[in-house]
């Protein structure tokens, strides 16, 4: 049972949880570390869990979170940066996390967020633009974010968002119409979205919903 799903450890009463059983569980499912009794959580035990799934770092006792263990966790799952103690977050460790998972920018200390690091992130994960410091949020950076991820349009500053940027997003994914400001929703842009997927008519302003547009939506 444990071999087929280590997560089932959560259903086993504590009195039946042996060290061997728990070790077997985390070997197959690192996150099962959450359900391991504290007395079994040794440095070696936590290492097994993190090797299987970097996110198991969340359940590692603070005294066992070393630079080496955190690095191992991030190499397995970049998002594990979220569970790295602040005093262990170095510029190198944060860069490693970004290389593995762009969204990890959310957990990078502000002092390590350089323009170059943010640029690297946006190239991989456009939506991470929401975690970029204000001083680095340029028109060019927003354009790059939307080109790589149309859903990044949701986080574009109202001062920068324009017709061209909205068209770029909607051309790639009609659902991006959801994040287009009402004042920029033109008849042509709405038609473009509905041609992509009929259900996007939900985001079309009432005054632009015509018989023809509804017919187009039904076909798509």
N, C-alpha and C. Protein backbone atom coordinates (compact mmCIF):
# COMPACT_ATOMS: atom_id res chain seq x y z
N UNK A 1 0.83 -1.20 0.00
CA UNK A 1 0.00 0.00 0.00
C UNK A 1 0.86 1.26 0.00
N UNK A 2 1.87 1.29 0.87
CA UNK A 2 2.76 2.45 0.96
C UNK A 2 3.54 2.64 -0.32
N UNK A 3 3.98 1.54 -0.94
CA UNK A 3 4.76 1.63 -2.17
C UNK A 3 3.93 2.23 -3.30
N UNK A 4 2.63 1.98 -3.27
CA UNK A 4 1.75 2.49 -4.32
C UNK A 4 1.31 3.92 -4.05
N UNK A 5 1.56 4.40 -2.86
CA UNK A 5 1.16 5.76 -2.54
C UNK A 5 1.60 6.16 -1.15
N UNK A 6 2.76 6.80 -1.05
CA UNK A 6 3.28 7.20 0.25
C UNK A 6 2.37 8.17 0.99
N UNK A 7 1.51 8.88 0.21
CA UNK A 7 0.62 9.85 0.84
C UNK A 7 -0.37 9.17 1.80
N UNK A 8 -0.53 7.85 1.64
CA UNK A 8 -1.46 7.11 2.50
C UNK A 8 -0.98 7.00 3.94
N UNK A 9 0.25 7.46 4.15
CA UNK A 9 0.79 7.44 5.51
C UNK A 9 -0.09 8.28 6.45
N UNK A 10 -0.76 9.28 5.89
CA UNK A 10 -1.61 10.15 6.70
C UNK A 10 -2.77 9.39 7.35
N UNK A 11 -3.15 8.25 6.74
CA UNK A 11 -4.28 7.49 7.26
C UNK A 11 -3.89 6.41 8.28
N UNK A 12 -2.59 6.26 8.48
CA UNK A 12 -2.12 5.23 9.40
C UNK A 12 -1.99 5.81 10.81
N UNK A 13 -2.62 5.21 11.79
CA UNK A 13 -2.54 5.71 13.17
C UNK A 13 -1.09 5.76 13.65
N UNK A 14 -0.77 6.74 14.47
CA UNK A 14 0.59 6.95 14.93
C UNK A 14 1.19 5.71 15.59
N UNK A 15 0.37 4.95 16.31
CA UNK A 15 0.90 3.79 17.03
C UNK A 15 1.40 2.70 16.08
N UNK A 16 0.97 2.77 14.80
CA UNK A 16 1.41 1.78 13.81
C UNK A 16 2.51 2.31 12.90
N UNK A 17 2.86 3.57 13.09
CA UNK A 17 3.91 4.17 12.26
C UNK A 17 5.29 3.83 12.82
N UNK A 18 5.96 2.93 12.16
CA UNK A 18 7.32 2.57 12.57
C UNK A 18 8.29 3.41 11.74
N UNK A 19 9.52 3.45 12.18
CA UNK A 19 10.54 4.20 11.44
C UNK A 19 10.70 3.62 10.04
N UNK A 20 10.66 2.30 9.93
CA UNK A 20 10.84 1.62 8.64
C UNK A 20 9.69 1.95 7.69
N UNK A 21 8.49 1.96 8.22
CA UNK A 21 7.31 2.24 7.40
C UNK A 21 7.33 3.69 6.90
N UNK A 22 7.70 4.58 7.77
CA UNK A 22 7.77 6.00 7.40
C UNK A 22 8.85 6.25 6.36
N UNK A 23 9.98 5.58 6.52
CA UNK A 23 11.09 5.73 5.58
C UNK A 23 10.68 5.23 4.19
N UNK A 24 9.95 4.14 4.17
CA UNK A 24 9.46 3.58 2.92
C UNK A 24 8.50 4.56 2.24
N UNK A 25 7.67 5.20 3.05
CA UNK A 25 6.69 6.16 2.52
C UNK A 25 7.37 7.35 1.86
N UNK A 26 8.36 7.95 2.54
CA UNK A 26 9.01 9.14 1.98
C UNK A 26 9.93 8.81 0.81
N UNK A 27 10.37 7.57 0.73
CA UNK A 27 11.18 7.17 -0.43
C UNK A 27 10.35 7.22 -1.71
N UNK A 28 9.07 6.91 -1.58
CA UNK A 28 8.18 6.90 -2.73
C UNK A 28 7.41 8.21 -2.89
N UNK A 29 7.28 8.95 -1.79
CA UNK A 29 6.50 10.19 -1.81
C UNK A 29 7.06 11.13 -0.74
N UNK A 30 7.98 11.98 -1.17
CA UNK A 30 8.68 12.86 -0.24
C UNK A 30 7.79 13.70 0.65
N UNK A 31 6.65 14.13 0.11
CA UNK A 31 5.75 14.99 0.88
C UNK A 31 5.09 14.26 2.04
N UNK A 32 5.25 12.94 2.08
CA UNK A 32 4.71 12.16 3.20
C UNK A 32 5.44 12.53 4.49
N UNK A 33 6.53 13.27 4.35
CA UNK A 33 7.28 13.71 5.53
C UNK A 33 6.37 14.50 6.48
N UNK A 34 5.35 15.09 5.91
CA UNK A 34 4.38 15.85 6.71
C UNK A 34 3.72 14.98 7.78
N UNK A 35 3.56 13.69 7.48
CA UNK A 35 2.83 12.79 8.38
C UNK A 35 3.74 11.89 9.21
N UNK A 36 5.04 12.17 9.14
CA UNK A 36 6.02 11.39 9.91
C UNK A 36 6.14 11.97 11.32
N UNK A 37 6.07 11.15 12.34
CA UNK A 37 6.22 11.63 13.72
C UNK A 37 7.55 12.36 13.89
N UNK A 38 7.56 13.41 14.65
CA UNK A 38 8.76 14.24 14.83
C UNK A 38 9.97 13.44 15.30
N UNK A 39 9.73 12.43 16.12
CA UNK A 39 10.86 11.66 16.65
C UNK A 39 11.61 10.86 15.59
N UNK A 40 10.98 10.68 14.42
CA UNK A 40 11.63 9.94 13.34
C UNK A 40 12.33 10.86 12.34
N UNK A 41 12.09 12.15 12.47
CA UNK A 41 12.64 13.10 11.50
C UNK A 41 14.10 13.42 11.84
N UNK A 42 14.99 12.59 11.34
CA UNK A 42 16.42 12.81 11.52
C UNK A 42 16.95 13.55 10.29
N UNK A 43 18.17 13.97 10.34
CA UNK A 43 18.80 14.65 9.21
C UNK A 43 18.80 13.75 7.98
N UNK A 44 19.12 12.47 8.19
CA UNK A 44 19.18 11.50 7.09
C UNK A 44 17.79 11.24 6.51
N UNK A 45 16.81 11.19 7.39
CA UNK A 45 15.43 10.93 7.00
C UNK A 45 14.90 12.07 6.11
N UNK A 46 15.20 13.29 6.51
CA UNK A 46 14.76 14.47 5.76
C UNK A 46 15.43 14.53 4.40
N UNK A 47 16.67 14.08 4.35
CA UNK A 47 17.42 14.05 3.09
C UNK A 47 16.74 13.13 2.08
N UNK A 48 16.26 12.00 2.56
CA UNK A 48 15.55 11.04 1.69
C UNK A 48 14.31 11.69 1.10
N UNK A 49 13.57 12.38 1.95
CA UNK A 49 12.32 13.02 1.52
C UNK A 49 12.58 14.12 0.49
N UNK A 50 13.57 14.96 0.75
CA UNK A 50 13.87 16.08 -0.14
C UNK A 50 14.42 15.61 -1.49
N UNK A 51 15.18 14.51 -1.46
CA UNK A 51 15.68 13.94 -2.72
C UNK A 51 14.53 13.49 -3.61
N UNK A 52 13.46 12.99 -2.99
CA UNK A 52 12.31 12.52 -3.75
C UNK A 52 11.45 13.68 -4.24
N UNK A 53 11.31 14.69 -3.39
CA UNK A 53 10.49 15.85 -3.75
C UNK A 53 11.01 17.07 -2.98
N UNK A 54 11.56 18.01 -3.71
CA UNK A 54 12.14 19.19 -3.08
C UNK A 54 11.19 19.96 -2.20
N UNK A 55 9.89 19.90 -2.51
CA UNK A 55 8.91 20.64 -1.73
C UNK A 55 8.73 20.07 -0.31
N UNK A 56 9.31 18.88 -0.08
CA UNK A 56 9.26 18.29 1.26
C UNK A 56 10.05 19.15 2.25
N UNK A 57 10.84 20.08 1.72
CA UNK A 57 11.61 20.99 2.57
C UNK A 57 10.69 21.73 3.54
N UNK A 58 9.46 21.91 3.13
CA UNK A 58 8.45 22.58 3.96
C UNK A 58 8.28 21.89 5.32
N UNK A 59 8.44 20.57 5.33
CA UNK A 59 8.19 19.81 6.55
C UNK A 59 9.46 19.38 7.30
N UNK A 60 10.58 19.90 6.84
CA UNK A 60 11.86 19.61 7.50
C UNK A 60 12.02 20.53 8.71
N UNK A 61 12.37 19.98 9.86
CA UNK A 61 12.61 20.83 11.05
C UNK A 61 13.67 21.88 10.74
N UNK A 62 13.51 23.06 11.26
CA UNK A 62 14.42 24.18 10.96
C UNK A 62 15.89 23.83 11.23
N UNK A 63 16.14 23.04 12.27
CA UNK A 63 17.54 22.73 12.61
C UNK A 63 18.23 21.85 11.57
N UNK A 64 17.45 21.25 10.69
CA UNK A 64 18.04 20.39 9.66
C UNK A 64 18.12 21.08 8.29
N UNK A 65 17.62 22.29 8.22
CA UNK A 65 17.66 23.02 6.95
C UNK A 65 19.03 23.67 6.79
N UNK A 66 19.89 22.99 6.06
CA UNK A 66 21.23 23.50 5.80
C UNK A 66 21.31 24.06 4.39
N UNK A 67 22.38 24.74 4.09
CA UNK A 67 22.60 25.29 2.75
C UNK A 67 22.56 24.16 1.72
N UNK A 68 23.19 23.04 2.04
CA UNK A 68 23.27 21.90 1.13
C UNK A 68 21.89 21.27 0.88
N UNK A 69 21.11 21.12 1.95
CA UNK A 69 19.79 20.52 1.81
C UNK A 69 18.86 21.44 1.00
N UNK A 70 18.96 22.73 1.25
CA UNK A 70 18.12 23.69 0.52
C UNK A 70 18.48 23.70 -0.96
N UNK A 71 19.75 23.61 -1.25
CA UNK A 71 20.21 23.58 -2.64
C UNK A 71 19.69 22.32 -3.34
N UNK A 72 19.73 21.21 -2.63
CA UNK A 72 19.22 19.95 -3.17
C UNK A 72 17.73 20.06 -3.45
N UNK A 73 17.00 20.69 -2.54
CA UNK A 73 15.55 20.86 -2.69
C UNK A 73 15.23 21.71 -3.92
N UNK A 74 15.97 22.78 -4.10
CA UNK A 74 15.73 23.70 -5.21
C UNK A 74 16.08 23.07 -6.56
N UNK A 75 17.11 22.25 -6.58
CA UNK A 75 17.47 21.57 -7.82
C UNK A 75 16.38 20.58 -8.24
N UNK A 76 15.65 20.08 -7.24
CA UNK A 76 14.55 19.17 -7.51
C UNK A 76 13.28 19.93 -7.85
N UNK A 77 13.01 21.00 -7.09
CA UNK A 77 11.83 21.83 -7.31
C UNK A 77 12.20 23.28 -7.00
N UNK A 78 12.31 24.10 -8.04
CA UNK A 78 12.69 25.50 -7.83
C UNK A 78 11.79 26.25 -6.87
N UNK A 79 10.53 25.86 -6.84
CA UNK A 79 9.56 26.53 -5.96
C UNK A 79 9.89 26.32 -4.49
N UNK A 80 10.75 25.35 -4.20
CA UNK A 80 11.14 25.07 -2.81
C UNK A 80 11.81 26.27 -2.16
N UNK A 81 12.18 27.26 -2.96
CA UNK A 81 12.79 28.48 -2.40
C UNK A 81 11.85 29.10 -1.36
N UNK A 82 10.58 28.85 -1.54
CA UNK A 82 9.58 29.36 -0.60
C UNK A 82 9.84 28.89 0.83
N UNK A 83 10.40 27.72 0.98
CA UNK A 83 10.59 27.13 2.30
C UNK A 83 12.02 27.23 2.83
N UNK A 84 12.84 27.98 2.12
CA UNK A 84 14.23 28.19 2.56
C UNK A 84 14.25 29.34 3.57
N UNK A 85 14.88 29.15 4.71
CA UNK A 85 14.98 30.22 5.71
C UNK A 85 15.64 31.46 5.10
N UNK A 86 15.19 32.63 5.49
CA UNK A 86 15.71 33.87 4.92
C UNK A 86 17.22 33.99 5.07
N UNK A 87 17.77 33.52 6.18
CA UNK A 87 19.22 33.66 6.40
C UNK A 87 20.05 32.71 5.53
N UNK A 88 19.37 31.78 4.84
CA UNK A 88 20.08 30.86 3.95
C UNK A 88 19.90 31.23 2.47
N UNK A 89 19.09 32.24 2.23
CA UNK A 89 18.86 32.67 0.85
C UNK A 89 20.02 33.55 0.38
N UNK A 90 20.80 33.02 -0.52
CA UNK A 90 21.92 33.78 -1.09
C UNK A 90 21.57 34.14 -2.53
N UNK A 91 22.36 35.02 -3.10
CA UNK A 91 22.14 35.43 -4.49
C UNK A 91 22.24 34.21 -5.41
N UNK A 92 23.21 33.34 -5.12
CA UNK A 92 23.44 32.15 -5.95
C UNK A 92 22.27 31.16 -5.84
N UNK A 93 21.76 30.99 -4.62
CA UNK A 93 20.65 30.06 -4.39
C UNK A 93 19.39 30.56 -5.09
N UNK A 94 19.16 31.85 -5.04
CA UNK A 94 17.98 32.43 -5.69
C UNK A 94 18.06 32.30 -7.21
N UNK A 95 19.25 32.50 -7.74
CA UNK A 95 19.45 32.35 -9.18
C UNK A 95 19.19 30.90 -9.59
N UNK A 96 19.63 29.99 -8.78
CA UNK A 96 19.42 28.56 -9.04
C UNK A 96 17.92 28.25 -9.07
N UNK A 97 17.18 28.82 -8.13
CA UNK A 97 15.74 28.60 -8.06
C UNK A 97 15.04 29.14 -9.31
N UNK A 98 15.44 30.33 -9.74
CA UNK A 98 14.84 30.96 -10.92
C UNK A 98 15.12 30.14 -12.17
N UNK A 99 16.31 29.59 -12.26
CA UNK A 99 16.67 28.77 -13.42
C UNK A 99 15.80 27.52 -13.52
N UNK A 100 15.36 27.02 -12.36
CA UNK A 100 14.53 25.82 -12.34
C UNK A 100 13.03 26.14 -12.37
N UNK A 101 12.67 27.32 -11.84
CA UNK A 101 11.25 27.65 -11.76
C UNK A 101 11.09 29.16 -11.64
N UNK A 102 10.69 29.79 -12.75
CA UNK A 102 10.59 31.25 -12.79
C UNK A 102 9.71 31.88 -11.73
N UNK A 103 8.63 31.23 -11.38
CA UNK A 103 7.70 31.79 -10.40
C UNK A 103 8.33 31.96 -9.02
N UNK A 104 9.48 31.33 -8.81
CA UNK A 104 10.16 31.44 -7.51
C UNK A 104 10.60 32.87 -7.22
N UNK A 105 10.51 33.74 -8.22
CA UNK A 105 10.88 35.15 -8.02
C UNK A 105 10.10 35.76 -6.85
N UNK A 106 8.92 35.23 -6.63
CA UNK A 106 8.07 35.72 -5.54
C UNK A 106 8.77 35.62 -4.18
N UNK A 107 9.67 34.65 -4.04
CA UNK A 107 10.30 34.39 -2.75
C UNK A 107 11.76 34.84 -2.68
N UNK A 108 12.18 35.57 -3.71
CA UNK A 108 13.54 36.12 -3.73
C UNK A 108 13.55 37.43 -2.94
N UNK A 109 14.48 37.59 -1.99
CA UNK A 109 14.57 38.85 -1.23
C UNK A 109 14.77 40.03 -2.18
N UNK A 110 14.19 41.17 -1.86
CA UNK A 110 14.25 42.34 -2.73
C UNK A 110 15.68 42.73 -3.09
N UNK A 111 16.61 42.56 -2.14
CA UNK A 111 18.00 42.99 -2.41
C UNK A 111 18.69 42.14 -3.48
N UNK A 112 18.11 40.97 -3.79
CA UNK A 112 18.71 40.11 -4.82
C UNK A 112 18.00 40.23 -6.18
N UNK A 113 16.94 41.02 -6.20
CA UNK A 113 16.18 41.18 -7.45
C UNK A 113 16.83 42.26 -8.32
N UNK A 114 17.73 41.83 -9.18
CA UNK A 114 18.36 42.75 -10.12
C UNK A 114 17.55 42.74 -11.41
N UNK A 115 17.82 43.71 -12.27
CA UNK A 115 17.11 43.75 -13.55
C UNK A 115 17.41 42.49 -14.36
N UNK A 116 18.66 42.04 -14.32
CA UNK A 116 19.07 40.86 -15.07
C UNK A 116 18.33 39.61 -14.58
N UNK A 117 18.17 39.49 -13.27
CA UNK A 117 17.47 38.34 -12.71
C UNK A 117 15.99 38.37 -13.10
N UNK A 118 15.41 39.54 -13.06
CA UNK A 118 14.00 39.68 -13.43
C UNK A 118 13.80 39.37 -14.91
N UNK A 119 14.72 39.81 -15.72
CA UNK A 119 14.65 39.55 -17.15
C UNK A 119 14.73 38.06 -17.44
N UNK A 120 15.62 37.39 -16.75
CA UNK A 120 15.79 35.94 -16.89
C UNK A 120 14.49 35.23 -16.51
N UNK A 121 13.86 35.72 -15.46
CA UNK A 121 12.61 35.14 -14.99
C UNK A 121 11.49 35.31 -16.01
N UNK A 122 11.34 36.53 -16.51
CA UNK A 122 10.25 36.85 -17.44
C UNK A 122 10.37 36.04 -18.73
N UNK A 123 11.59 35.78 -19.14
CA UNK A 123 11.80 34.98 -20.36
C UNK A 123 11.26 33.57 -20.18
N UNK A 124 11.26 33.10 -18.95
CA UNK A 124 10.80 31.75 -18.64
C UNK A 124 9.34 31.72 -18.21
N UNK A 125 8.93 32.75 -17.45
CA UNK A 125 7.58 32.74 -16.88
C UNK A 125 7.06 34.18 -16.81
N UNK A 126 6.31 34.56 -17.84
CA UNK A 126 5.83 35.94 -17.96
C UNK A 126 5.03 36.46 -16.79
N UNK A 127 4.22 35.61 -16.18
CA UNK A 127 3.37 36.04 -15.08
C UNK A 127 4.16 36.48 -13.84
N UNK A 128 5.43 36.12 -13.81
CA UNK A 128 6.27 36.53 -12.68
C UNK A 128 6.50 38.04 -12.68
N UNK A 129 6.05 38.73 -13.72
CA UNK A 129 6.21 40.18 -13.80
C UNK A 129 5.54 40.85 -12.60
N UNK A 130 4.58 40.17 -12.00
CA UNK A 130 3.89 40.73 -10.84
C UNK A 130 4.82 40.84 -9.62
N UNK A 131 5.94 40.10 -9.64
CA UNK A 131 6.87 40.12 -8.51
C UNK A 131 8.11 40.96 -8.78
N UNK A 132 8.13 41.62 -9.92
CA UNK A 132 9.27 42.45 -10.31
C UNK A 132 9.18 43.80 -9.60
N UNK A 133 10.29 44.30 -9.05
CA UNK A 133 10.28 45.61 -8.37
C UNK A 133 9.78 46.71 -9.32
N UNK A 134 9.10 47.68 -8.77
CA UNK A 134 8.49 48.75 -9.55
C UNK A 134 9.47 49.45 -10.49
N UNK A 135 10.70 49.64 -10.01
CA UNK A 135 11.68 50.39 -10.82
C UNK A 135 12.13 49.64 -12.08
N UNK A 136 11.86 48.33 -12.14
CA UNK A 136 12.26 47.55 -13.31
C UNK A 136 11.10 47.29 -14.28
N UNK A 137 9.92 47.71 -13.89
CA UNK A 137 8.74 47.45 -14.73
C UNK A 137 8.66 48.48 -15.86
N UNK A 138 9.31 48.15 -16.95
CA UNK A 138 9.32 49.03 -18.13
C UNK A 138 8.36 48.49 -19.19
N UNK A 139 8.10 49.30 -20.17
CA UNK A 139 7.24 48.89 -21.28
C UNK A 139 7.82 47.66 -21.96
N UNK A 140 9.14 47.65 -22.15
CA UNK A 140 9.82 46.54 -22.81
C UNK A 140 9.69 45.23 -22.02
N UNK A 141 9.79 45.35 -20.69
CA UNK A 141 9.69 44.17 -19.84
C UNK A 141 8.27 43.60 -19.88
N UNK A 142 7.29 44.48 -19.87
CA UNK A 142 5.89 44.04 -19.95
C UNK A 142 5.61 43.36 -21.29
N UNK A 143 6.14 43.94 -22.35
CA UNK A 143 5.94 43.36 -23.68
C UNK A 143 6.54 41.96 -23.77
N UNK A 144 7.72 41.80 -23.20
CA UNK A 144 8.39 40.50 -23.19
C UNK A 144 7.56 39.50 -22.38
N UNK A 145 7.02 39.96 -21.26
CA UNK A 145 6.21 39.10 -20.40
C UNK A 145 4.98 38.59 -21.14
N UNK A 146 4.29 39.49 -21.84
CA UNK A 146 3.06 39.12 -22.56
C UNK A 146 3.37 38.24 -23.77
N UNK A 147 4.50 38.49 -24.41
CA UNK A 147 4.89 37.65 -25.55
C UNK A 147 5.13 36.21 -25.11
N UNK A 148 5.70 36.05 -23.93
CA UNK A 148 6.02 34.71 -23.42
C UNK A 148 4.87 34.06 -22.68
N UNK A 149 3.94 34.88 -22.21
CA UNK A 149 2.82 34.36 -21.42
C UNK A 149 1.68 35.38 -21.48
N UNK A 150 0.68 35.13 -22.31
CA UNK A 150 -0.41 36.10 -22.50
C UNK A 150 -1.14 36.43 -21.21
N UNK A 151 -1.13 35.49 -20.26
CA UNK A 151 -1.82 35.74 -19.00
C UNK A 151 -1.12 36.78 -18.15
N UNK A 152 0.07 37.15 -18.56
CA UNK A 152 0.80 38.20 -17.85
C UNK A 152 0.11 39.55 -18.04
N UNK A 153 -0.79 39.61 -19.03
CA UNK A 153 -1.51 40.86 -19.29
C UNK A 153 -2.25 41.34 -18.05
N UNK A 154 -2.65 40.40 -17.22
CA UNK A 154 -3.37 40.74 -15.99
C UNK A 154 -2.57 41.65 -15.07
N UNK A 155 -1.24 41.59 -15.18
CA UNK A 155 -0.39 42.32 -14.25
C UNK A 155 0.31 43.54 -14.87
N UNK A 156 -0.10 43.88 -16.09
CA UNK A 156 0.50 45.04 -16.76
C UNK A 156 -0.09 46.32 -16.16
N UNK A 157 0.77 47.26 -15.88
CA UNK A 157 0.36 48.53 -15.30
C UNK A 157 -0.63 49.26 -16.21
N UNK A 158 -1.63 49.89 -15.61
CA UNK A 158 -2.63 50.65 -16.38
C UNK A 158 -1.98 51.79 -17.16
N UNK A 159 -0.85 52.26 -16.66
CA UNK A 159 -0.16 53.36 -17.33
C UNK A 159 0.55 52.89 -18.60
N UNK A 160 0.83 51.60 -18.67
CA UNK A 160 1.59 51.06 -19.81
C UNK A 160 0.74 50.26 -20.78
N UNK A 161 -0.29 49.61 -20.31
CA UNK A 161 -1.10 48.77 -21.18
C UNK A 161 -1.69 49.59 -22.33
N UNK A 162 -1.62 49.03 -23.53
CA UNK A 162 -2.13 49.75 -24.70
C UNK A 162 -2.78 48.79 -25.68
N UNK A 163 -3.29 49.31 -26.77
CA UNK A 163 -4.01 48.54 -27.77
C UNK A 163 -3.14 47.43 -28.35
N UNK A 164 -1.89 47.76 -28.68
CA UNK A 164 -0.98 46.79 -29.29
C UNK A 164 -0.69 45.61 -28.37
N UNK A 165 -0.50 45.91 -27.10
CA UNK A 165 -0.19 44.86 -26.12
C UNK A 165 -1.40 43.93 -25.94
N UNK A 166 -2.58 44.51 -25.94
CA UNK A 166 -3.81 43.72 -25.80
C UNK A 166 -4.04 42.84 -27.02
N UNK A 167 -3.77 43.38 -28.19
CA UNK A 167 -3.93 42.61 -29.43
C UNK A 167 -2.95 41.44 -29.45
N UNK A 168 -1.74 41.70 -29.01
CA UNK A 168 -0.71 40.66 -28.95
C UNK A 168 -1.18 39.50 -28.07
N UNK A 169 -1.76 39.84 -26.94
CA UNK A 169 -2.22 38.81 -26.00
C UNK A 169 -3.41 38.05 -26.56
N UNK A 170 -4.40 38.76 -27.06
CA UNK A 170 -5.63 38.13 -27.55
C UNK A 170 -5.39 37.30 -28.81
N UNK A 171 -4.45 37.71 -29.63
CA UNK A 171 -4.11 36.94 -30.83
C UNK A 171 -3.57 35.56 -30.47
N UNK A 172 -2.88 35.50 -29.34
CA UNK A 172 -2.29 34.23 -28.90
C UNK A 172 -3.23 33.40 -28.04
N UNK A 173 -4.12 34.06 -27.34
CA UNK A 173 -5.08 33.36 -26.49
C UNK A 173 -6.27 34.28 -26.25
N UNK A 174 -7.40 33.92 -26.84
CA UNK A 174 -8.59 34.75 -26.74
C UNK A 174 -9.04 35.05 -25.32
N UNK A 175 -8.72 34.15 -24.41
CA UNK A 175 -9.13 34.34 -23.02
C UNK A 175 -8.44 35.53 -22.36
N UNK A 176 -7.39 36.02 -22.99
CA UNK A 176 -6.69 37.19 -22.46
C UNK A 176 -7.61 38.42 -22.47
N UNK A 177 -8.72 38.34 -23.23
CA UNK A 177 -9.68 39.44 -23.27
C UNK A 177 -10.19 39.78 -21.87
N UNK A 178 -10.17 38.80 -21.01
CA UNK A 178 -10.61 38.98 -19.62
C UNK A 178 -9.83 40.08 -18.92
N UNK A 179 -8.56 40.26 -19.31
CA UNK A 179 -7.69 41.22 -18.63
C UNK A 179 -7.51 42.53 -19.40
N UNK A 180 -8.22 42.65 -20.49
CA UNK A 180 -8.15 43.88 -21.29
C UNK A 180 -9.06 44.94 -20.64
N UNK A 181 -8.53 46.13 -20.37
CA UNK A 181 -9.36 47.19 -19.79
C UNK A 181 -10.57 47.47 -20.69
N UNK A 182 -11.70 47.79 -20.09
CA UNK A 182 -12.94 48.01 -20.85
C UNK A 182 -12.74 49.05 -21.96
N UNK A 183 -11.98 50.09 -21.67
CA UNK A 183 -11.81 51.16 -22.65
C UNK A 183 -11.03 50.71 -23.88
N UNK A 184 -10.32 49.58 -23.78
CA UNK A 184 -9.53 49.08 -24.90
C UNK A 184 -10.20 47.91 -25.63
N UNK A 185 -11.38 47.54 -25.17
CA UNK A 185 -12.12 46.44 -25.82
C UNK A 185 -12.89 46.99 -27.01
N UNK A 186 -12.33 46.80 -28.19
CA UNK A 186 -12.96 47.27 -29.42
C UNK A 186 -13.75 46.13 -30.06
N UNK A 187 -14.55 46.46 -31.04
CA UNK A 187 -15.33 45.46 -31.76
C UNK A 187 -14.40 44.42 -32.39
N UNK A 188 -13.32 44.90 -32.98
CA UNK A 188 -12.37 44.02 -33.66
C UNK A 188 -11.66 43.08 -32.68
N UNK A 189 -11.27 43.62 -31.55
CA UNK A 189 -10.55 42.82 -30.56
C UNK A 189 -11.47 41.74 -29.98
N UNK A 190 -12.71 42.09 -29.74
CA UNK A 190 -13.68 41.13 -29.21
C UNK A 190 -13.97 40.02 -30.22
N UNK A 191 -14.05 40.38 -31.48
CA UNK A 191 -14.28 39.39 -32.53
C UNK A 191 -13.10 38.42 -32.61
N UNK A 192 -11.92 38.97 -32.45
CA UNK A 192 -10.70 38.17 -32.47
C UNK A 192 -10.73 37.14 -31.34
N UNK A 193 -11.16 37.57 -30.18
CA UNK A 193 -11.23 36.67 -29.01
C UNK A 193 -12.28 35.58 -29.22
N UNK A 194 -13.44 35.98 -29.71
CA UNK A 194 -14.55 35.03 -29.90
C UNK A 194 -14.22 34.02 -31.00
N UNK A 195 -13.47 34.44 -31.99
CA UNK A 195 -13.03 33.51 -33.05
C UNK A 195 -12.12 32.44 -32.46
N UNK A 196 -11.37 32.82 -31.44
CA UNK A 196 -10.47 31.88 -30.76
C UNK A 196 -11.28 30.86 -29.98
N UNK A 197 -12.25 31.35 -29.20
CA UNK A 197 -13.10 30.47 -28.39
C UNK A 197 -14.40 31.20 -28.09
N UNK A 198 -15.51 30.56 -28.45
CA UNK A 198 -16.81 31.19 -28.29
C UNK A 198 -17.14 31.64 -26.88
N UNK A 199 -16.67 30.91 -25.90
CA UNK A 199 -17.00 31.23 -24.51
C UNK A 199 -16.38 32.54 -24.02
N UNK A 200 -15.45 33.11 -24.80
CA UNK A 200 -14.84 34.38 -24.40
C UNK A 200 -15.83 35.53 -24.54
N UNK A 201 -16.99 35.25 -25.10
CA UNK A 201 -18.02 36.28 -25.22
C UNK A 201 -18.43 36.78 -23.83
N UNK A 202 -18.12 35.98 -22.84
CA UNK A 202 -18.39 36.36 -21.44
C UNK A 202 -17.69 37.66 -21.07
N UNK A 203 -16.55 37.94 -21.72
CA UNK A 203 -15.75 39.12 -21.38
C UNK A 203 -15.99 40.30 -22.33
N UNK A 204 -16.93 40.13 -23.23
CA UNK A 204 -17.26 41.19 -24.19
C UNK A 204 -18.27 42.15 -23.56
N UNK A 205 -18.04 43.46 -23.65
CA UNK A 205 -18.98 44.44 -23.09
C UNK A 205 -20.35 44.29 -23.75
N UNK A 206 -21.40 44.54 -22.99
CA UNK A 206 -22.77 44.35 -23.49
C UNK A 206 -23.03 45.13 -24.77
N UNK A 207 -22.50 46.35 -24.84
CA UNK A 207 -22.76 47.20 -26.01
C UNK A 207 -22.10 46.68 -27.29
N UNK A 208 -21.17 45.72 -27.15
CA UNK A 208 -20.49 45.17 -28.33
C UNK A 208 -21.01 43.77 -28.70
N UNK A 209 -21.97 43.27 -27.92
CA UNK A 209 -22.54 41.95 -28.20
C UNK A 209 -23.66 42.09 -29.24
N UNK A 210 -23.37 41.60 -30.43
CA UNK A 210 -24.34 41.67 -31.52
C UNK A 210 -24.83 40.27 -31.89
N UNK A 211 -25.85 40.22 -32.72
CA UNK A 211 -26.38 38.95 -33.19
C UNK A 211 -25.27 38.16 -33.90
N UNK A 212 -24.50 38.87 -34.72
CA UNK A 212 -23.42 38.23 -35.47
C UNK A 212 -22.34 37.66 -34.55
N UNK A 213 -22.05 38.38 -33.48
CA UNK A 213 -21.02 37.93 -32.54
C UNK A 213 -21.50 36.67 -31.79
N UNK A 214 -22.78 36.66 -31.44
CA UNK A 214 -23.34 35.48 -30.77
C UNK A 214 -23.30 34.26 -31.70
N UNK A 215 -23.60 34.49 -32.96
CA UNK A 215 -23.58 33.41 -33.96
C UNK A 215 -22.16 32.86 -34.10
N UNK A 216 -21.19 33.78 -34.08
CA UNK A 216 -19.78 33.37 -34.18
C UNK A 216 -19.38 32.57 -32.95
N UNK A 217 -19.87 32.98 -31.80
CA UNK A 217 -19.56 32.29 -30.55
C UNK A 217 -20.11 30.86 -30.56
N UNK A 218 -21.31 30.71 -31.08
CA UNK A 218 -21.93 29.36 -31.15
C UNK A 218 -21.12 28.44 -32.03
N UNK A 219 -20.58 28.97 -33.12
CA UNK A 219 -19.78 28.15 -34.05
C UNK A 219 -18.46 27.73 -33.44
N UNK A 220 -17.96 28.54 -32.49
CA UNK A 220 -16.65 28.26 -31.90
C UNK A 220 -16.77 27.58 -30.53
